[in-house]
Protein backbone atom coordinates (compact mmCIF):
# COMPACT_ATOMS: atom_id res chain seq x y z
CA MET A 1 -141.09 -114.25 3.80
CA ALA A 2 -139.92 -117.54 1.78
CA ASP A 3 -142.99 -117.51 -0.12
CA ASP A 4 -142.50 -113.89 -1.44
CA ALA A 5 -139.42 -115.13 -2.75
CA GLU A 6 -140.38 -117.94 -5.09
CA LYS A 7 -141.13 -116.77 -8.33
CA THR A 8 -144.51 -118.46 -8.80
CA GLU A 9 -146.45 -115.89 -9.83
CA GLU A 10 -147.44 -115.07 -13.78
CA PRO A 11 -145.53 -112.06 -15.62
CA THR A 12 -147.62 -108.81 -15.70
CA ASP A 13 -147.84 -107.15 -18.87
CA LYS A 14 -145.28 -104.48 -17.76
CA LYS A 15 -142.85 -107.25 -16.92
CA ILE A 16 -143.94 -108.73 -20.31
CA GLU A 17 -143.58 -104.98 -22.32
CA ASP A 18 -140.35 -104.07 -19.84
CA ALA A 19 -138.65 -107.33 -21.09
CA ARG A 20 -139.48 -106.57 -24.88
CA LYS A 21 -138.09 -103.07 -24.76
CA ASP A 22 -134.63 -104.93 -23.62
CA GLY A 23 -134.73 -107.02 -26.89
CA ASN A 24 -135.64 -110.11 -24.69
CA VAL A 25 -138.24 -111.97 -26.55
CA PRO A 26 -139.44 -115.80 -27.10
CA LYS A 27 -137.36 -116.40 -30.32
CA SER A 28 -137.04 -119.88 -31.33
CA GLN A 29 -133.84 -120.37 -33.97
CA ASP A 30 -135.40 -123.64 -35.41
CA ALA A 31 -138.74 -121.35 -36.52
CA SER A 32 -136.90 -118.92 -38.03
CA GLY A 33 -134.54 -121.34 -39.38
CA VAL A 34 -137.49 -123.85 -40.98
CA VAL A 35 -139.35 -120.70 -42.32
CA THR A 36 -135.82 -119.31 -43.79
CA LEU A 37 -135.02 -122.65 -45.46
CA PHE A 38 -138.46 -123.25 -46.77
CA VAL A 39 -138.83 -119.44 -48.87
CA ALA A 40 -134.78 -120.70 -49.97
CA ILE A 41 -135.65 -124.20 -51.12
CA LEU A 42 -139.19 -122.45 -52.75
CA ALA A 43 -137.50 -119.17 -53.95
CA PHE A 44 -134.68 -121.54 -55.79
CA LEU A 45 -136.80 -123.52 -57.48
CA MET A 46 -138.93 -120.55 -58.91
CA LEU A 47 -135.89 -118.67 -59.71
CA PHE A 48 -134.12 -121.32 -61.08
CA PRO A 49 -134.67 -120.38 -64.81
CA PHE A 50 -134.02 -116.99 -64.29
CA MET A 51 -130.64 -118.01 -62.54
CA ALA A 52 -129.85 -120.82 -65.10
CA GLU A 53 -130.32 -118.29 -67.81
CA HIS A 54 -127.86 -115.88 -66.32
CA VAL A 55 -125.62 -118.55 -65.71
CA VAL A 56 -125.57 -119.71 -69.56
CA LEU A 57 -125.41 -115.85 -70.53
CA LEU A 58 -122.33 -115.13 -68.27
CA PHE A 59 -120.39 -118.49 -69.64
CA LYS A 60 -121.33 -117.45 -73.08
CA TYR A 61 -119.94 -114.09 -72.51
CA TYR A 62 -116.40 -115.77 -71.02
CA PHE A 63 -116.22 -117.79 -73.96
CA SER A 64 -116.71 -114.94 -76.31
CA LEU A 65 -113.55 -113.41 -74.67
CA ILE A 66 -111.36 -115.94 -75.89
CA GLY A 67 -108.19 -114.57 -77.96
CA HIS A 68 -108.94 -110.93 -76.77
CA PRO A 69 -105.97 -109.10 -75.37
CA LEU A 70 -105.87 -108.19 -71.81
CA ASP A 71 -105.57 -104.73 -70.74
CA LYS A 72 -106.73 -102.59 -67.77
CA ALA A 73 -110.27 -101.38 -69.73
CA PHE A 74 -110.69 -104.76 -70.63
CA MET A 75 -110.38 -106.55 -67.63
CA LEU A 76 -112.34 -103.53 -65.77
CA ASP A 77 -115.01 -104.36 -67.78
CA VAL A 78 -115.44 -108.10 -67.57
CA ALA A 79 -115.23 -106.97 -63.24
CA ILE A 80 -118.32 -105.07 -63.93
CA ILE A 81 -120.25 -107.29 -66.15
CA THR A 82 -119.18 -110.35 -63.91
CA ILE A 83 -120.78 -108.35 -60.46
CA LYS A 84 -123.80 -107.32 -62.34
CA GLU A 85 -124.59 -110.69 -63.65
CA LEU A 86 -123.43 -112.22 -60.35
CA LEU A 87 -125.94 -109.84 -58.37
CA LEU A 88 -128.85 -110.53 -60.64
CA ILE A 89 -128.07 -114.18 -60.31
CA ILE A 90 -127.82 -113.92 -56.03
CA MET A 91 -129.92 -110.87 -55.18
CA PRO A 92 -133.69 -112.16 -56.11
CA LEU A 93 -132.79 -115.39 -53.78
CA ALA A 94 -130.90 -113.57 -50.78
CA ILE A 95 -133.77 -110.60 -50.91
CA ALA A 96 -136.28 -113.49 -50.77
CA VAL A 97 -134.08 -115.39 -47.99
CA ALA A 98 -133.94 -112.19 -45.48
CA VAL A 99 -138.10 -111.18 -46.22
CA ALA A 100 -138.49 -114.91 -44.96
CA GLY A 101 -136.43 -113.93 -41.82
CA VAL A 102 -138.06 -110.99 -40.99
CA ILE A 103 -141.30 -112.64 -41.37
CA ALA A 104 -140.82 -115.30 -39.60
CA ALA A 105 -139.39 -113.36 -36.60
CA VAL A 106 -142.50 -110.79 -36.64
CA SER A 107 -144.81 -114.11 -36.60
CA GLN A 108 -142.87 -115.25 -33.19
CA PHE A 109 -143.38 -111.74 -30.93
CA GLY A 110 -144.74 -109.42 -33.04
CA PHE A 111 -142.83 -106.06 -34.30
CA LEU A 112 -140.35 -104.78 -32.39
CA PHE A 113 -137.80 -102.00 -32.62
CA THR A 114 -135.53 -101.37 -29.85
CA THR A 115 -131.70 -100.35 -29.44
CA ASP A 116 -131.29 -101.72 -26.15
CA ALA A 117 -130.07 -105.02 -27.11
CA ILE A 118 -127.38 -103.44 -29.35
CA GLN A 119 -125.73 -100.93 -27.01
CA PRO A 120 -122.31 -102.27 -26.13
CA LYS A 121 -122.15 -103.55 -22.67
CA PHE A 122 -118.33 -104.37 -21.13
CA SER A 123 -120.33 -107.55 -19.46
CA LYS A 124 -120.27 -108.64 -22.99
CA ILE A 125 -116.63 -109.08 -23.73
CA ASP A 126 -115.80 -110.15 -20.35
CA PRO A 127 -113.46 -113.08 -21.06
CA ILE A 128 -114.28 -114.89 -18.00
CA LYS A 129 -117.96 -114.56 -18.07
CA GLY A 130 -117.57 -115.72 -21.86
CA MET A 131 -115.96 -118.80 -20.91
CA LYS A 132 -118.35 -119.55 -18.54
CA ASN A 133 -120.86 -119.28 -21.11
CA LEU A 134 -119.36 -121.43 -23.62
CA PHE A 135 -118.66 -124.23 -21.35
CA SER A 136 -121.99 -123.68 -19.15
CA MET A 137 -124.56 -126.62 -18.94
CA LYS A 138 -126.84 -124.77 -21.16
CA LYS A 139 -124.22 -124.75 -23.83
CA LEU A 140 -124.03 -128.45 -23.37
CA ILE A 141 -127.51 -129.17 -23.65
CA GLU A 142 -127.70 -127.06 -26.85
CA GLY A 143 -125.21 -128.69 -28.83
CA VAL A 144 -126.97 -132.19 -27.69
CA LYS A 145 -130.25 -130.96 -28.98
CA ILE A 146 -128.17 -129.90 -32.33
CA THR A 147 -126.57 -133.12 -32.67
CA PHE A 148 -129.45 -135.04 -31.77
CA LYS A 149 -131.67 -132.95 -34.26
CA ALA A 150 -129.00 -133.36 -37.11
CA PHE A 151 -128.62 -137.06 -36.39
CA ILE A 152 -132.55 -137.65 -37.22
CA THR A 153 -132.70 -135.27 -40.46
CA LEU A 154 -129.52 -136.46 -42.22
CA GLY A 155 -130.51 -140.12 -40.95
CA VAL A 156 -133.85 -139.77 -42.57
CA GLY A 157 -132.76 -138.04 -45.58
CA PHE A 158 -130.08 -140.70 -46.13
CA ILE A 159 -133.00 -143.40 -45.78
CA PHE A 160 -134.98 -141.52 -48.75
CA PHE A 161 -131.24 -141.15 -50.56
CA PHE A 162 -130.47 -144.97 -50.45
CA TYR A 163 -134.31 -145.94 -51.41
CA PHE A 164 -133.55 -143.71 -54.77
CA ILE A 165 -130.22 -145.55 -55.27
CA VAL A 166 -132.06 -148.76 -56.37
CA ASP A 167 -133.24 -147.05 -59.03
CA LEU A 168 -129.87 -146.09 -60.74
CA PRO A 169 -129.63 -149.06 -62.93
CA THR A 170 -133.06 -147.89 -64.43
CA VAL A 171 -132.06 -144.59 -64.57
CA THR A 172 -128.51 -145.43 -66.51
CA MET A 173 -130.65 -146.21 -69.37
CA PHE A 174 -132.81 -142.93 -69.44
CA SER A 175 -131.61 -139.56 -71.52
CA LEU A 176 -129.62 -137.20 -70.25
CA GLY A 177 -132.76 -134.84 -69.86
CA ASP A 178 -134.81 -137.51 -68.33
CA GLN A 179 -131.77 -138.27 -66.00
CA LEU A 180 -131.69 -134.54 -64.99
CA ALA A 181 -135.14 -134.51 -64.26
CA TRP A 182 -135.18 -137.38 -62.40
CA LEU A 183 -132.41 -135.93 -60.37
CA ARG A 184 -134.27 -132.83 -59.47
CA ASP A 185 -137.74 -134.52 -58.69
CA LYS A 186 -135.71 -136.49 -56.41
CA ALA A 187 -133.67 -134.16 -54.82
CA ILE A 188 -137.16 -132.11 -54.21
CA ILE A 189 -138.47 -135.05 -52.28
CA ILE A 190 -135.93 -135.64 -49.96
CA ALA A 191 -135.41 -131.37 -49.48
CA PHE A 192 -138.96 -131.40 -48.27
CA VAL A 193 -138.82 -134.48 -46.38
CA MET A 194 -136.03 -133.05 -44.28
CA LEU A 195 -137.71 -129.90 -44.48
CA LEU A 196 -140.89 -131.68 -42.35
CA ILE A 197 -138.32 -133.35 -40.05
CA ILE A 198 -137.26 -129.79 -39.58
CA PHE A 199 -140.57 -128.13 -39.45
CA ILE A 200 -141.33 -130.93 -36.93
CA PHE A 201 -138.76 -129.88 -34.41
CA ALA A 202 -139.37 -126.38 -34.73
CA ILE A 203 -142.87 -126.68 -33.45
CA ILE A 204 -141.48 -128.57 -30.43
CA ASP A 205 -138.52 -125.66 -30.12
CA VAL A 206 -141.24 -123.21 -30.28
CA VAL A 207 -143.12 -124.36 -27.33
CA ILE A 208 -140.26 -125.22 -25.23
CA VAL A 209 -139.22 -121.64 -25.62
CA ARG A 210 -142.08 -119.77 -25.21
CA LYS A 211 -142.46 -121.82 -21.69
CA GLN A 212 -139.06 -121.13 -20.46
CA TYR A 213 -139.47 -117.94 -21.41
CA PHE A 214 -142.44 -116.90 -19.55
CA ASP A 215 -140.84 -119.10 -16.66
CA GLY A 216 -138.01 -117.12 -16.54
CA LEU A 217 -140.03 -113.68 -16.01
CA LYS A 218 -142.27 -115.29 -13.50
CA MET A 219 -142.51 -112.87 -10.68
CA SER A 220 -142.31 -113.06 -6.63
CA LYS A 221 -145.89 -111.84 -4.51
CA GLN A 222 -142.79 -109.17 -3.11
CA GLU A 223 -142.21 -107.93 -7.15
CA ILE A 224 -145.85 -107.86 -7.80
CA LYS A 225 -146.51 -105.48 -4.94
CA ASP A 226 -143.73 -103.90 -5.60
CA GLU A 227 -144.63 -103.11 -9.38
CA MET A 228 -147.86 -102.05 -8.39
CA LYS A 229 -146.48 -99.61 -6.21
CA ASN A 230 -144.11 -97.75 -8.47
CA MET A 231 -146.98 -97.82 -10.80
CA ASP A 232 -149.66 -96.58 -8.71
CA GLY A 233 -147.08 -94.68 -6.68
CA ASP A 234 -146.70 -94.90 -2.98
CA PRO A 235 -149.40 -95.08 -0.76
CA LEU A 236 -148.08 -93.03 2.10
CA ILE A 237 -147.44 -90.48 -0.59
CA LYS A 238 -150.40 -90.44 -2.26
CA SER A 239 -151.93 -90.22 0.89
CA LYS A 240 -150.10 -87.30 1.67
CA ILE A 241 -150.88 -85.68 -1.58
CA ARG A 242 -154.92 -85.91 -0.93
CA GLN A 243 -154.41 -84.66 2.61
CA ILE A 244 -152.65 -81.09 0.88
CA GLN A 245 -155.59 -81.58 -1.83
CA MET A 246 -158.61 -81.85 0.62
CA GLN A 247 -156.57 -79.14 3.21
CA ALA A 248 -156.48 -76.49 0.12
CA SER A 249 -159.96 -77.36 -0.83
CA ARG A 250 -161.51 -76.77 2.43
CA LYS A 251 -159.35 -73.58 3.00
CA ARG A 252 -160.75 -72.35 -0.16
CA MET A 253 -164.29 -73.44 1.02
CA MET A 254 -164.07 -71.63 4.24
CA SER A 255 -162.66 -68.51 2.60
CA GLU A 256 -166.60 -68.42 0.74
CA VAL A 257 -168.38 -69.02 3.89
CA PRO A 258 -168.28 -64.70 4.80
CA HIS A 259 -169.70 -64.48 1.29
CA ALA A 260 -172.94 -66.76 1.66
CA ASP A 261 -176.36 -65.57 2.40
CA VAL A 262 -177.29 -68.28 4.94
CA VAL A 263 -176.17 -71.37 6.89
CA VAL A 264 -178.20 -74.15 7.15
CA THR A 265 -177.67 -76.70 10.08
CA ASN A 266 -178.50 -79.92 11.88
CA PRO A 267 -178.08 -78.07 14.30
CA THR A 268 -175.12 -79.99 15.99
CA HIS A 269 -173.41 -82.67 13.20
CA TYR A 270 -174.13 -80.43 9.84
CA ALA A 271 -173.80 -77.20 8.16
CA VAL A 272 -174.25 -76.08 4.63
CA ALA A 273 -173.44 -72.27 3.21
CA LEU A 274 -175.95 -71.37 0.50
CA LYS A 275 -175.19 -68.46 -1.76
CA TYR A 276 -177.84 -66.87 -4.20
CA ASP A 277 -176.92 -64.77 -6.92
CA ASP A 278 -179.59 -64.67 -9.69
CA LYS A 279 -176.64 -63.36 -12.42
CA LYS A 280 -174.36 -66.38 -12.09
CA SER A 281 -177.46 -69.35 -11.51
CA HIS A 282 -180.92 -69.78 -11.43
CA ALA A 283 -181.01 -71.43 -8.18
CA PRO A 284 -179.02 -71.14 -4.77
CA ILE A 285 -175.53 -72.64 -4.82
CA VAL A 286 -173.79 -74.92 -2.43
CA VAL A 287 -170.54 -73.02 -1.03
CA ALA A 288 -169.69 -74.95 1.84
CA LYS A 289 -170.71 -77.99 3.29
CA GLY A 290 -169.26 -80.16 6.58
CA MET A 291 -169.86 -82.28 9.27
CA ASP A 292 -169.10 -82.24 12.92
CA HIS A 293 -165.86 -80.36 13.30
CA ILE A 294 -166.12 -78.80 9.71
CA ALA A 295 -169.45 -77.86 10.43
CA GLN A 296 -168.48 -76.11 13.54
CA GLN A 297 -166.11 -74.05 12.07
CA ILE A 298 -168.39 -72.99 8.99
CA LYS A 299 -170.68 -71.85 12.27
CA LYS A 300 -167.65 -70.18 14.07
CA ILE A 301 -167.19 -68.39 10.43
CA ALA A 302 -170.19 -67.50 9.81
CA ARG A 303 -171.01 -65.87 13.38
CA GLU A 304 -167.67 -63.79 13.04
CA SER A 305 -168.85 -62.53 9.33
CA ASN A 306 -172.84 -61.87 10.57
CA VAL A 307 -174.06 -64.35 8.51
CA PRO A 308 -177.45 -65.75 9.67
CA ILE A 309 -177.50 -69.54 10.55
CA ILE A 310 -181.02 -71.13 10.22
CA GLN A 311 -181.56 -74.66 11.74
CA ASN A 312 -183.13 -76.86 9.84
CA PRO A 313 -182.13 -80.61 10.36
CA PRO A 314 -184.42 -82.23 7.40
CA LEU A 315 -182.89 -79.85 5.01
CA ALA A 316 -179.28 -79.74 6.22
CA ARG A 317 -179.06 -83.48 6.09
CA SER A 318 -180.45 -83.26 2.52
CA LEU A 319 -178.52 -80.49 0.96
CA TYR A 320 -175.52 -82.49 2.31
CA ALA A 321 -176.05 -85.43 0.71
CA ASP A 322 -177.42 -84.43 -2.31
CA VAL A 323 -175.65 -81.42 -3.29
CA GLU A 324 -172.36 -81.48 -4.42
CA LEU A 325 -169.90 -78.32 -3.36
CA ASP A 326 -170.16 -75.51 -5.64
CA ARG A 327 -173.37 -77.10 -7.51
CA PRO A 328 -176.85 -75.23 -7.32
CA ILE A 329 -179.59 -77.24 -5.68
CA PRO A 330 -182.08 -79.54 -7.04
CA ASP A 331 -185.26 -78.49 -8.12
CA ALA A 332 -186.81 -80.56 -5.62
CA LEU A 333 -184.66 -78.58 -2.51
CA PHE A 334 -185.90 -75.43 -4.19
CA GLY A 335 -189.31 -74.78 -2.07
CA ALA A 336 -187.19 -75.19 1.32
CA VAL A 337 -184.75 -73.40 0.64
CA ALA A 338 -186.99 -70.73 -1.25
CA GLU A 339 -188.61 -70.57 2.47
CA VAL A 340 -185.12 -70.21 4.32
CA LEU A 341 -184.09 -67.40 2.15
CA ALA A 342 -187.29 -65.63 2.41
CA TYR A 343 -186.94 -65.82 6.28
CA VAL A 344 -183.16 -64.31 6.01
CA TYR A 345 -184.22 -61.45 3.74
CA LYS A 346 -187.51 -60.62 5.67
CA MET A 347 -184.87 -60.85 8.93
CA ASN A 348 -182.12 -58.60 7.04
CA LYS A 349 -185.36 -56.37 5.76
CA LYS A 350 -184.63 -57.59 2.24
CA ARG A 351 -187.18 -58.70 -0.57
CA LEU A 352 -186.72 -61.67 -2.20
């Protein structure tokens, strides 16, 4: 019993799928952050000329307003133009960052749309539970991790920054344009070095998050058994259903015996009822068959209905083994069955 309680088994596909439906997926915040940050830096560098142009246009517009009398219509016009220019400056970068965030999430756990994670739950606003989560060991470890990663990242960035400061006496001799170009180049180097450090931490975090996620979904042997039972249905119920279906099929089969042309028997263990209707089939059809107790029932009904019973052990065994219920006999048995039917028709003074 102790072994069954231990969660030692890998999660099943159903367990993982149920977790996804609840919004429980292996998501690394570091991975999402590094992708978003990389796209933000790249988009900023690509959009910088466009953004700078609109910033300059906005300031030129403000300078052109010097001495203009202030009134309500004027202030409204200034507000509209300011908002328009700010949107043109900010929105391209914001859209790029938003798309990057979606791509980062989808790349980790695929496309997922669920409302379960955002449904209101009173347990989420429980102040006692919230305080426990705030001061839990998990939060402490997360805080230490964040501090460590920030210290390493900023430390490496500061080392590069300190290395570049050595060039400042020489840079002061440059023109203003060259100084700005030098500052831009060094800022890009520092940014991408720090981004590389964050990227390494993100890879490590992805591995840890996925391991913790699948470890958290591990199941006990009893849970796997219960899941299989729920998926396949209770064996007792399935057995009862099969029993009812067999009883219904047997009852229907027995109702066909009185309409049969002949019953071929073993004579003890097998009984097969045949019916021939040239309008429905080219060959006789097995309308009922059974072994032992069922065979005795078939013979009993046949006697009560005056259906001829012919003893032919080899033919009875072959018909029982080779022909499914409500199916015509195969060509290989047609000759032997034809002889039996001919004998029956002769007994009943019928023609074949």
